[in-house]
């Protein structure tokens, strides 16, 4: 009875489970295109729609920096649940912050127009150098705002950063609302380039106001696998990730339990954050200044 209830809830969550019938991918062209657009805003322009002949679920979109990687990642993930996986469609759908969505791989993305007038003084050259990083930050800011839209963001959402002691590069992640879970954590930048564009952590259940249950992904002999974990909110700009000990084979060593922290880098701190003002205090201050 419990398994039946879980299946029913899962079907309602997907909104199109089909009641135990094969789901024709053609029915989901609009939804799949919207998912591709969402991924294109993160710089992932090559998309593979992967399905399985024995699946009752809707098809899934896997996006990456090339068709080969999108296809490989999609089939590997699908093969964990089904033996008859296939690529229904490969499609290019990119995004240019200056022109919008691009549907043709051969169309080059535009770059910001260069200033044609030559600077006549060193003072102006210095001023241009000082303003260039700010303009780049504004572009990134606008792209992130496109991802989240005008809605109120959850405290856990945003751009997060961490670095392991043995690594020379930072790891950067984006946590956003998910259609399949509560939230999903996407890899933006990683020392292992193969991980970029993939889901690193599935945030599947809220335990209380300050903690969530997760499924953390990792590679098991080249295939994506998962283990249980939690995220604890230390404050608005710090998260603690914990993963449990995991044994996936009697012939191999078990993964040890681990914990590490991530720091939020976007949205950045406001005056209220630096002053540690509560929502009520912030409201009072705004009303007074107005």
C-alpha atoms as a PDB file:
ATOM      1  CA  UNK A   1       0.000   0.000   0.000  1.00  0.00           C
ATOM      2  CA  UNK A   2       2.839   2.348   0.882  1.00  0.00           C
ATOM      3  CA  UNK A   3       4.602   1.690  -2.449  1.00  0.00           C
ATOM      4  CA  UNK A   4       1.349   2.325  -4.318  1.00  0.00           C
ATOM      5  CA  UNK A   5       0.876   5.641  -2.495  1.00  0.00           C
ATOM      6  CA  UNK A   6       4.439   6.687  -3.326  1.00  0.00           C
ATOM      7  CA  UNK A   7       3.872   5.845  -6.998  1.00  0.00           C
ATOM      8  CA  UNK A   8       0.635   7.864  -7.086  1.00  0.00           C
ATOM      9  CA  UNK A   9       2.302  10.880  -5.486  1.00  0.00           C
ATOM     10  CA  UNK A  10       5.202  10.580  -7.920  1.00  0.00           C
ATOM     11  CA  UNK A  11       2.796  10.567 -10.872  1.00  0.00           C
ATOM     12  CA  UNK A  12       1.018  13.672  -9.615  1.00  0.00           C
ATOM     13  CA  UNK A  13       4.362  15.392  -9.131  1.00  0.00           C
ATOM     14  CA  UNK A  14       5.398  14.701 -12.717  1.00  0.00           C
ATOM     15  CA  UNK A  15       1.955  15.910 -13.817  1.00  0.00           C
ATOM     16  CA  UNK A  16       2.138  13.567 -16.794  1.00  0.00           C
ATOM     17  CA  UNK A  17       2.953  10.095 -15.580  1.00  0.00           C
ATOM     18  CA  UNK A  18       0.521   8.493 -17.984  1.00  0.00           C
ATOM     19  CA  UNK A  19      -1.000   5.937 -15.605  1.00  0.00           C
ATOM     20  CA  UNK A  20       1.397   3.179 -16.612  1.00  0.00           C
ATOM     21  CA  UNK A  21       1.492   3.906 -20.347  1.00  0.00           C
ATOM     22  CA  UNK A  22       4.432   4.709 -22.584  1.00  0.00           C
ATOM     23  CA  UNK A  23       4.869   8.462 -22.926  1.00  0.00           C
ATOM     24  CA  UNK A  24       5.313   9.653 -26.513  1.00  0.00           C
ATOM     25  CA  UNK A  25       8.170  12.216 -26.486  1.00  0.00           C
ATOM     26  CA  UNK A  26       6.437  14.214 -29.217  1.00  0.00           C
ATOM     27  CA  UNK A  27       3.752  15.233 -26.688  1.00  0.00           C
ATOM     28  CA  UNK A  28       6.374  17.046 -24.622  1.00  0.00           C
ATOM     29  CA  UNK A  29       8.041  19.162 -27.305  1.00  0.00           C
ATOM     30  CA  UNK A  30       6.975  22.432 -25.669  1.00  0.00           C
ATOM     31  CA  UNK A  31       8.034  21.406 -22.138  1.00  0.00           C
ATOM     32  CA  UNK A  32      11.332  20.009 -23.411  1.00  0.00           C
ATOM     33  CA  UNK A  33      12.061  23.207 -25.330  1.00  0.00           C
ATOM     34  CA  UNK A  34      11.434  25.281 -22.186  1.00  0.00           C
ATOM     35  CA  UNK A  35      13.914  23.102 -20.264  1.00  0.00           C
ATOM     36  CA  UNK A  36      16.462  23.567 -23.051  1.00  0.00           C
ATOM     37  CA  UNK A  37      16.009  27.344 -22.816  1.00  0.00           C
ATOM     38  CA  UNK A  38      16.540  27.206 -19.071  1.00  0.00           C
ATOM     39  CA  UNK A  39      19.796  25.283 -19.552  1.00  0.00           C
ATOM     40  CA  UNK A  40      20.883  27.546 -22.413  1.00  0.00           C
ATOM     41  CA  UNK A  41      20.783  30.498 -20.005  1.00  0.00           C
ATOM     42  CA  UNK A  42      23.532  28.678 -18.094  1.00  0.00           C
ATOM     43  CA  UNK A  43      25.702  28.328 -21.203  1.00  0.00           C
ATOM     44  CA  UNK A  44      24.674  24.750 -22.062  1.00  0.00           C
ATOM     45  CA  UNK A  45      23.677  24.913 -25.745  1.00  0.00           C
ATOM     46  CA  UNK A  46      23.708  21.256 -26.861  1.00  0.00           C
ATOM     47  CA  UNK A  47      20.767  19.117 -25.785  1.00  0.00           C
ATOM     48  CA  UNK A  48      19.883  15.420 -25.927  1.00  0.00           C
ATOM     49  CA  UNK A  49      16.326  14.213 -25.297  1.00  0.00           C
ATOM     50  CA  UNK A  50      16.696  10.740 -23.796  1.00  0.00           C
ATOM     51  CA  UNK A  51      13.885   8.227 -23.304  1.00  0.00           C
ATOM     52  CA  UNK A  52      13.364   4.498 -22.774  1.00  0.00           C
ATOM     53  CA  UNK A  53      10.878   2.237 -24.547  1.00  0.00           C
ATOM     54  CA  UNK A  54       9.831   0.642 -21.254  1.00  0.00           C
ATOM     55  CA  UNK A  55       9.551   3.937 -19.356  1.00  0.00           C
ATOM     56  CA  UNK A  56       6.212   5.318 -18.156  1.00  0.00           C
ATOM     57  CA  UNK A  57       7.848   8.646 -17.315  1.00  0.00           C
ATOM     58  CA  UNK A  58       8.227  11.670 -19.552  1.00  0.00           C
ATOM     59  CA  UNK A  59      11.507  11.989 -21.511  1.00  0.00           C
ATOM     60  CA  UNK A  60      14.377  13.952 -19.996  1.00  0.00           C
ATOM     61  CA  UNK A  61      16.654  16.680 -21.363  1.00  0.00           C
ATOM     62  CA  UNK A  62      20.404  16.458 -20.819  1.00  0.00           C
ATOM     63  CA  UNK A  63      22.408  19.543 -21.766  1.00  0.00           C
ATOM     64  CA  UNK A  64      26.135  20.063 -22.133  1.00  0.00           C
ATOM     65  CA  UNK A  65      28.842  21.842 -24.143  1.00  0.00           C
ATOM     66  CA  UNK A  66      28.616  19.343 -27.033  1.00  0.00           C
ATOM     67  CA  UNK A  67      26.197  16.815 -28.495  1.00  0.00           C
ATOM     68  CA  UNK A  68      28.583  13.966 -27.660  1.00  0.00           C
ATOM     69  CA  UNK A  69      28.713  14.871 -23.960  1.00  0.00           C
ATOM     70  CA  UNK A  70      24.967  15.511 -23.712  1.00  0.00           C
ATOM     71  CA  UNK A  71      24.211  12.162 -25.378  1.00  0.00           C
ATOM     72  CA  UNK A  72      26.739  10.246 -23.267  1.00  0.00           C
ATOM     73  CA  UNK A  73      25.589  11.725 -19.956  1.00  0.00           C
ATOM     74  CA  UNK A  74      21.920  11.199 -20.807  1.00  0.00           C
ATOM     75  CA  UNK A  75      22.308   7.552 -21.806  1.00  0.00           C
ATOM     76  CA  UNK A  76      24.517   6.788 -18.794  1.00  0.00           C
ATOM     77  CA  UNK A  77      21.968   8.241 -16.383  1.00  0.00           C
ATOM     78  CA  UNK A  78      19.010   6.560 -18.112  1.00  0.00           C
ATOM     79  CA  UNK A  79      20.803   3.178 -18.091  1.00  0.00           C
ATOM     80  CA  UNK A  80      20.685   3.177 -14.289  1.00  0.00           C
ATOM     81  CA  UNK A  81      16.918   2.563 -14.470  1.00  0.00           C
ATOM     82  CA  UNK A  82      16.247   1.132 -17.944  1.00  0.00           C
ATOM     83  CA  UNK A  83      17.913  -1.208 -20.424  1.00  0.00           C
ATOM     84  CA  UNK A  84      16.260   0.127 -23.569  1.00  0.00           C
ATOM     85  CA  UNK A  85      17.336   3.765 -23.501  1.00  0.00           C
ATOM     86  CA  UNK A  86      17.608   5.744 -26.704  1.00  0.00           C
ATOM     87  CA  UNK A  87      18.240   9.300 -27.873  1.00  0.00           C
ATOM     88  CA  UNK A  88      14.967  10.663 -29.202  1.00  0.00           C
ATOM     89  CA  UNK A  89      16.395  13.955 -30.409  1.00  0.00           C
ATOM     90  CA  UNK A  90      19.585  16.026 -30.514  1.00  0.00           C
ATOM     91  CA  UNK A  91      18.983  19.756 -30.697  1.00  0.00           C
ATOM     92  CA  UNK A  92      20.998  22.940 -30.585  1.00  0.00           C
ATOM     93  CA  UNK A  93      19.424  25.782 -28.606  1.00  0.00           C
ATOM     94  CA  UNK A  94      21.708  28.506 -27.326  1.00  0.00           C
ATOM     95  CA  UNK A  95      21.374  31.948 -25.794  1.00  0.00           C
ATOM     96  CA  UNK A  96      23.024  35.270 -26.516  1.00  0.00           C
ATOM     97  CA  UNK A  97      22.514  37.980 -23.858  1.00  0.00           C
ATOM     98  CA  UNK A  98      22.355  40.589 -26.630  1.00  0.00           C
ATOM     99  CA  UNK A  99      20.074  38.888 -29.185  1.00  0.00           C
ATOM    100  CA  UNK A 100      18.147  36.240 -27.224  1.00  0.00           C
ATOM    101  CA  UNK A 101      17.756  32.528 -27.984  1.00  0.00           C
ATOM    102  CA  UNK A 102      19.586  30.965 -30.949  1.00  0.00           C
ATOM    103  CA  UNK A 103      18.237  27.910 -32.755  1.00  0.00           C
ATOM    104  CA  UNK A 104      20.962  27.485 -35.368  1.00  0.00           C
ATOM    105  CA  UNK A 105      24.380  26.190 -34.353  1.00  0.00           C
ATOM    106  CA  UNK A 106      26.034  28.090 -37.219  1.00  0.00           C
ATOM    107  CA  UNK A 107      24.840  31.489 -35.977  1.00  0.00           C
ATOM    108  CA  UNK A 108      27.660  33.159 -34.075  1.00  0.00           C
ATOM    109  CA  UNK A 109      26.907  34.822 -30.780  1.00  0.00           C
ATOM    110  CA  UNK A 110      27.424  38.549 -30.757  1.00  0.00           C
ATOM    111  CA  UNK A 111      29.889  40.211 -28.464  1.00  0.00           C
ATOM    112  CA  UNK A 112      29.583  43.550 -26.799  1.00  0.00           C
ATOM    113  CA  UNK A 113      30.301  46.305 -29.363  1.00  0.00           C
ATOM    114  CA  UNK A 114      33.761  47.763 -28.960  1.00  0.00           C
ATOM    115  CA  UNK A 115      34.216  51.428 -28.324  1.00  0.00           C
ATOM    116  CA  UNK A 116      35.423  52.950 -31.612  1.00  0.00           C
ATOM    117  CA  UNK A 117      36.634  56.326 -30.423  1.00  0.00           C
ATOM    118  CA  UNK A 118      40.264  56.228 -29.285  1.00  0.00           C
ATOM    119  CA  UNK A 119      41.011  57.480 -25.816  1.00  0.00           C
ATOM    120  CA  UNK A 120      43.224  60.543 -25.900  1.00  0.00           C
ATOM    121  CA  UNK A 121      44.477  60.623 -22.346  1.00  0.00           C
ATOM    122  CA  UNK A 122      45.894  58.116 -19.881  1.00  0.00           C
ATOM    123  CA  UNK A 123      43.269  59.227 -17.395  1.00  0.00           C
ATOM    124  CA  UNK A 124      40.485  58.033 -19.717  1.00  0.00           C
ATOM    125  CA  UNK A 125      42.333  54.735 -20.340  1.00  0.00           C
ATOM    126  CA  UNK A 126      42.547  54.148 -16.609  1.00  0.00           C
ATOM    127  CA  UNK A 127      38.882  54.964 -16.202  1.00  0.00           C
ATOM    128  CA  UNK A 128      37.975  52.447 -18.926  1.00  0.00           C
ATOM    129  CA  UNK A 129      40.031  49.727 -17.192  1.00  0.00           C
ATOM    130  CA  UNK A 130      38.242  50.447 -13.928  1.00  0.00           C
ATOM    131  CA  UNK A 131      34.766  50.256 -15.464  1.00  0.00           C
ATOM    132  CA  UNK A 132      35.331  47.105 -17.596  1.00  0.00           C
ATOM    133  CA  UNK A 133      35.099  44.570 -14.728  1.00  0.00           C
ATOM    134  CA  UNK A 134      31.958  46.299 -13.497  1.00  0.00           C
ATOM    135  CA  UNK A 135      30.306  45.955 -16.918  1.00  0.00           C
ATOM    136  CA  UNK A 136      31.206  42.255 -17.001  1.00  0.00           C
ATOM    137  CA  UNK A 137      29.720  41.802 -13.542  1.00  0.00           C
ATOM    138  CA  UNK A 138      26.564  43.571 -14.706  1.00  0.00           C
ATOM    139  CA  UNK A 139      26.272  41.109 -17.616  1.00  0.00           C
ATOM    140  CA  UNK A 140      26.608  38.121 -15.264  1.00  0.00           C
ATOM    141  CA  UNK A 141      24.124  39.745 -12.908  1.00  0.00           C
ATOM    142  CA  UNK A 142      21.567  40.181 -15.698  1.00  0.00           C
ATOM    143  CA  UNK A 143      21.992  36.563 -16.834  1.00  0.00           C
ATOM    144  CA  UNK A 144      21.458  35.271 -13.301  1.00  0.00           C
ATOM    145  CA  UNK A 145      18.365  37.436 -12.955  1.00  0.00           C
ATOM    146  CA  UNK A 146      17.036  35.866 -16.175  1.00  0.00           C
ATOM    147  CA  UNK A 147      17.393  32.427 -14.596  1.00  0.00           C
ATOM    148  CA  UNK A 148      15.484  33.367 -11.437  1.00  0.00           C
ATOM    149  CA  UNK A 149      13.096  35.927 -12.929  1.00  0.00           C
ATOM    150  CA  UNK A 150      11.170  38.322 -10.699  1.00  0.00           C
ATOM    151  CA  UNK A 151      10.164  35.739  -8.107  1.00  0.00           C
ATOM    152  CA  UNK A 152      11.348  35.817  -4.499  1.00  0.00           C
ATOM    153  CA  UNK A 153      14.356  33.533  -4.182  1.00  0.00           C
ATOM    154  CA  UNK A 154      14.602  30.936  -1.439  1.00  0.00           C
ATOM    155  CA  UNK A 155      17.418  31.395   1.049  1.00  0.00           C
ATOM    156  CA  UNK A 156      19.229  28.319  -0.284  1.00  0.00           C
ATOM    157  CA  UNK A 157      19.153  29.496  -3.916  1.00  0.00           C
ATOM    158  CA  UNK A 158      21.981  31.368  -5.576  1.00  0.00           C
ATOM    159  CA  UNK A 159      25.615  31.005  -6.628  1.00  0.00           C
ATOM    160  CA  UNK A 160      27.860  29.124  -4.184  1.00  0.00           C
ATOM    161  CA  UNK A 161      31.617  28.544  -4.076  1.00  0.00           C
ATOM    162  CA  UNK A 162      34.009  26.144  -2.332  1.00  0.00           C
ATOM    163  CA  UNK A 163      37.526  24.795  -2.752  1.00  0.00           C
ATOM    164  CA  UNK A 164      39.038  21.511  -1.602  1.00  0.00           C
ATOM    165  CA  UNK A 165      42.462  21.660   0.055  1.00  0.00           C
ATOM    166  CA  UNK A 166      44.130  19.560  -2.639  1.00  0.00           C
ATOM    167  CA  UNK A 167      42.698  21.565  -5.573  1.00  0.00           C
ATOM    168  CA  UNK A 168      44.006  24.726  -7.248  1.00  0.00           C
ATOM    169  CA  UNK A 169      40.627  25.827  -8.673  1.00  0.00           C
ATOM    170  CA  UNK A 170      37.374  26.839  -7.034  1.00  0.00           C
ATOM    171  CA  UNK A 171      34.209  24.824  -7.447  1.00  0.00           C
ATOM    172  CA  UNK A 172      31.210  27.007  -8.330  1.00  0.00           C
ATOM    173  CA  UNK A 173      27.612  25.809  -8.123  1.00  0.00           C
ATOM    174  CA  UNK A 174      24.164  27.249  -8.842  1.00  0.00           C
ATOM    175  CA  UNK A 175      21.223  26.135  -6.669  1.00  0.00           C
ATOM    176  CA  UNK A 176      17.787  26.681  -8.243  1.00  0.00           C
ATOM    177  CA  UNK A 177      14.259  25.359  -7.934  1.00  0.00           C
ATOM    178  CA  UNK A 178      13.750  22.045  -9.710  1.00  0.00           C
ATOM    179  CA  UNK A 179      10.857  20.547 -11.626  1.00  0.00           C
ATOM    180  CA  UNK A 180      11.765  17.085 -10.331  1.00  0.00           C
ATOM    181  CA  UNK A 181      12.960  17.859  -6.753  1.00  0.00           C
ATOM    182  CA  UNK A 182      12.754  20.773  -4.320  1.00  0.00           C
ATOM    183  CA  UNK A 183      16.014  22.239  -5.627  1.00  0.00           C
ATOM    184  CA  UNK A 184      18.937  21.113  -7.744  1.00  0.00           C
ATOM    185  CA  UNK A 185      22.575  22.104  -7.570  1.00  0.00           C
ATOM    186  CA  UNK A 186      24.252  22.535 -10.959  1.00  0.00           C
ATOM    187  CA  UNK A 187      28.006  22.529 -11.517  1.00  0.00           C
ATOM    188  CA  UNK A 188      29.078  25.827 -13.116  1.00  0.00           C
ATOM    189  CA  UNK A 189      32.849  25.482 -12.761  1.00  0.00           C
ATOM    190  CA  UNK A 190      34.861  22.465 -11.568  1.00  0.00           C
ATOM    191  CA  UNK A 191      38.493  21.270 -11.750  1.00  0.00           C
ATOM    192  CA  UNK A 192      37.120  18.174 -13.517  1.00  0.00           C
ATOM    193  CA  UNK A 193      35.561  19.704 -16.646  1.00  0.00           C
ATOM    194  CA  UNK A 194      33.429  16.605 -17.251  1.00  0.00           C
ATOM    195  CA  UNK A 195      31.282  17.560 -14.241  1.00  0.00           C
ATOM    196  CA  UNK A 196      30.407  21.039 -15.546  1.00  0.00           C
ATOM    197  CA  UNK A 197      26.764  21.426 -16.520  1.00  0.00           C
ATOM    198  CA  UNK A 198      25.702  18.369 -14.528  1.00  0.00           C
ATOM    199  CA  UNK A 199      23.519  18.081 -11.428  1.00  0.00           C
ATOM    200  CA  UNK A 200      25.805  17.719  -8.410  1.00  0.00           C
ATOM    201  CA  UNK A 201      23.194  17.527  -5.646  1.00  0.00           C
ATOM    202  CA  UNK A 202      19.460  16.807  -5.656  1.00  0.00           C
ATOM    203  CA  UNK A 203      17.752  18.522  -2.710  1.00  0.00           C
ATOM    204  CA  UNK A 204      14.772  16.237  -2.224  1.00  0.00           C
ATOM    205  CA  UNK A 205      13.183  16.953   1.178  1.00  0.00           C
ATOM    206  CA  UNK A 206      13.002  19.720   3.784  1.00  0.00           C
ATOM    207  CA  UNK A 207      13.815  18.372   7.235  1.00  0.00           C
ATOM    208  CA  UNK A 208      13.235  21.621   9.138  1.00  0.00           C
ATOM    209  CA  UNK A 209      13.757  25.375   8.672  1.00  0.00           C
ATOM    210  CA  UNK A 210      17.522  25.036   8.477  1.00  0.00           C
ATOM    211  CA  UNK A 211      18.214  21.629   6.907  1.00  0.00           C
ATOM    212  CA  UNK A 212      17.431  19.519   3.841  1.00  0.00           C
ATOM    213  CA  UNK A 213      17.829  15.900   2.806  1.00  0.00           C
ATOM    214  CA  UNK A 214      19.903  15.388  -0.343  1.00  0.00           C
ATOM    215  CA  UNK A 215      21.119  12.889  -2.900  1.00  0.00           C
ATOM    216  CA  UNK A 216      24.729  13.704  -3.778  1.00  0.00           C
ATOM    217  CA  UNK A 217      26.019  12.493  -7.149  1.00  0.00           C
ATOM    218  CA  UNK A 218      29.476  11.072  -7.860  1.00  0.00           C
ATOM    219  CA  UNK A 219      31.182   8.899 -10.464  1.00  0.00           C
ATOM    220  CA  UNK A 220      31.292   5.126  -9.905  1.00  0.00           C
ATOM    221  CA  UNK A 221      33.616   3.618 -12.543  1.00  0.00           C
ATOM    222  CA  UNK A 222      32.579   6.304 -14.998  1.00  0.00           C
ATOM    223  CA  UNK A 223      28.850   6.117 -14.244  1.00  0.00           C
ATOM    224  CA  UNK A 224      26.819   8.575 -12.165  1.00  0.00           C
ATOM    225  CA  UNK A 225      25.742   7.216  -8.781  1.00  0.00           C
ATOM    226  CA  UNK A 226      24.166   8.778  -5.669  1.00  0.00           C
ATOM    227  CA  UNK A 227      24.515   8.681  -1.904  1.00  0.00           C
ATOM    228  CA  UNK A 228      22.481  10.206   0.933  1.00  0.00           C
ATOM    229  CA  UNK A 229      23.381  13.485   2.552  1.00  0.00           C
ATOM    230  CA  UNK A 230      22.132  16.679   4.183  1.00  0.00           C
ATOM    231  CA  UNK A 231      22.534  20.423   3.795  1.00  0.00           C
ATOM    232  CA  UNK A 232      22.473  22.620   6.883  1.00  0.00           C
ATOM    233  CA  UNK A 233      21.956  26.383   6.594  1.00  0.00           C
ATOM    234  CA  UNK A 234      24.551  28.019   8.867  1.00  0.00           C
ATOM    235  CA  UNK A 235      23.442  31.511   7.830  1.00  0.00           C
ATOM    236  CA  UNK A 236      22.308  33.312   4.661  1.00  0.00           C
ATOM    237  CA  UNK A 237      25.766  33.036   3.165  1.00  0.00           C
ATOM    238  CA  UNK A 238      27.087  29.707   4.415  1.00  0.00           C
ATOM    239  CA  UNK A 239      25.952  26.097   3.915  1.00  0.00           C
ATOM    240  CA  UNK A 240      27.306  22.891   5.417  1.00  0.00           C
ATOM    241  CA  UNK A 241      27.147  19.813   3.187  1.00  0.00           C
ATOM    242  CA  UNK A 242      27.333  16.369   4.784  1.00  0.00           C
ATOM    243  CA  UNK A 243      27.349  13.002   3.000  1.00  0.00           C
ATOM    244  CA  UNK A 244      26.942   9.618   4.639  1.00  0.00           C
ATOM    245  CA  UNK A 245      29.230   6.595   4.406  1.00  0.00           C
ATOM    246  CA  UNK A 246      28.342   4.673   1.252  1.00  0.00           C
ATOM    247  CA  UNK A 247      29.213   1.116   0.193  1.00  0.00           C
ATOM    248  CA  UNK A 248      28.331   0.279  -3.399  1.00  0.00           C
ATOM    249  CA  UNK A 249      30.140  -3.050  -3.752  1.00  0.00           C
ATOM    250  CA  UNK A 250      31.494  -5.749  -1.470  1.00  0.00           C
ATOM    251  CA  UNK A 251      34.607  -5.848  -3.658  1.00  0.00           C
ATOM    252  CA  UNK A 252      35.492  -2.153  -3.278  1.00  0.00           C
ATOM    253  CA  UNK A 253      36.249   0.189  -0.406  1.00  0.00           C
ATOM    254  CA  UNK A 254      33.355   2.212   0.971  1.00  0.00           C
ATOM    255  CA  UNK A 255      33.178   5.980   0.591  1.00  0.00           C
ATOM    256  CA  UNK A 256      33.794   7.672   3.915  1.00  0.00           C
ATOM    257  CA  UNK A 257      31.337  10.143   5.433  1.00  0.00           C
ATOM    258  CA  UNK A 258      32.408  13.710   4.728  1.00  0.00           C
ATOM    259  CA  UNK A 259      31.452  17.326   5.379  1.00  0.00           C
ATOM    260  CA  UNK A 260      32.441  20.639   3.820  1.00  0.00           C
ATOM    261  CA  UNK A 261      31.190  24.222   3.555  1.00  0.00           C
ATOM    262  CA  UNK A 262      30.101  26.455   0.689  1.00  0.00           C
ATOM    263  CA  UNK A 263      29.922  30.257   0.649  1.00  0.00           C
ATOM    264  CA  UNK A 264      27.320  32.267  -1.256  1.00  0.00           C
ATOM    265  CA  UNK A 265      28.741  34.733  -3.792  1.00  0.00           C
ATOM    266  CA  UNK A 266      25.420  35.761  -5.412  1.00  0.00           C
ATOM    267  CA  UNK A 267      23.144  37.467  -4.507  1.00  0.00           C
ATOM    268  CA  UNK A 268      25.807  39.484  -2.717  1.00  0.00           C
ATOM    269  CA  UNK A 269      25.476  40.937   0.759  1.00  0.00           C
ATOM    270  CA  UNK A 270      23.342  44.025   1.265  1.00  0.00           C
ATOM    271  CA  UNK A 271      23.684  46.753   3.876  1.00  0.00           C
ATOM    272  CA  UNK A 272      21.101  44.892   5.978  1.00  0.00           C
ATOM    273  CA  UNK A 273      23.221  41.727   5.818  1.00  0.00           C
ATOM    274  CA  UNK A 274      26.412  43.524   6.858  1.00  0.00           C
ATOM    275  CA  UNK A 275      24.578  45.312   9.686  1.00  0.00           C
ATOM    276  CA  UNK A 276      22.805  42.066  10.670  1.00  0.00           C
ATOM    277  CA  UNK A 277      19.378  43.759  10.528  1.00  0.00           C
ATOM    278  CA  UNK A 278      16.214  41.692  10.778  1.00  0.00           C
ATOM    279  CA  UNK A 279      13.439  41.977   8.171  1.00  0.00           C
ATOM    280  CA  UNK A 280      11.430  44.170  10.539  1.00  0.00           C
ATOM    281  CA  UNK A 281      14.411  46.440  11.209  1.00  0.00           C
ATOM    282  CA  UNK A 282      15.145  46.699   7.479  1.00  0.00           C
ATOM    283  CA  UNK A 283      11.521  47.680   6.777  1.00  0.00           C
ATOM    284  CA  UNK A 284      11.579  50.338   9.497  1.00  0.00           C
ATOM    285  CA  UNK A 285      14.856  51.759   8.144  1.00  0.00           C
ATOM    286  CA  UNK A 286      13.491  51.936   4.554  1.00  0.00           C
ATOM    287  CA  UNK A 287      10.293  53.670   5.720  1.00  0.00           C
ATOM    288  CA  UNK A 288      12.320  56.190   7.718  1.00  0.00           C
ATOM    289  CA  UNK A 289      14.646  56.973   4.785  1.00  0.00           C
ATOM    290  CA  UNK A 290      11.704  57.346   2.405  1.00  0.00           C
END
